[in-house]
Amino acid sequence: MLAEVDCQADPALPWTGQVTALARRLRAVLEDHPGIAALLQTRDPISPASLALAEAFLAPLHAAGLPGRQAALAFRLIYDYTLGFALSDPTSPGEQRVQDTATRAELHAFLRSLPASRFPALAALGAYAWADDRDQRFTASLDTLIAGLQATLRPAPTTPPSQLKRDPPGQLAQMAGREHPRRAVIVLVIVMMTAQIAGLNAQRRPW
């Protein structure tokens, strides 16, 4: 099925546009064939189509300036995210529930009824988290991943040792976070993959 993915990159696009377009094409093919995403997780990526897809992702990432190891991790980051998103395809029970107007309204009413003393954020924001906005969710998350990768390409600011001695621990931690954006990307991936697993588990039981 991966042979259906158009791996031709548009040279007029920047690397971010090339990678984003490829991820969207991959998602479209996976969702056109429910169950394929789960099957791909059990197989080694050694078919001609799998190799072509990996090459299409790796080439722009490496050309953008990511070193070899980082380019490979970036490829797996985007590929695994797209695969994980497609696991909960539009025909899955979880997606069908949020697409149904009545069921979605019932869920939103339940979330708003949660005790604000125990779930203040969920009561206020839960309706946004369970909305019929599948395309927006994919695009927003993919854009966040790409932005994180872009951040790793920016030169890290240098801080003179004398300044480090005067800064309190809180400021040092903030500078460490800015100077090591890869950590933020890693944390984001862990959160997103955990959410994907939770979503799959939720499909196996009713609300």
Foldseek 3Di string as FASTA:
>chain_A
DLLQQPLDADPVDALLVQLVVSLVSVLVVLLVPAPVLVVVVVDDQPDPSSVSSLCSQLVRLVVVPDPDVRSNVLSCLSVVLSSLLSNCHCVFQLNVQQVDPVSLVVVLVVQLPPDCVVCVPSNVCVSVVRHNPSVVVVVVLSVVLSVLSVLVPDAQDDDDPVVVVPDDPVVVVVSVCSRCSVVVSVVSSVVSSVVSVVSVVCSVDDD
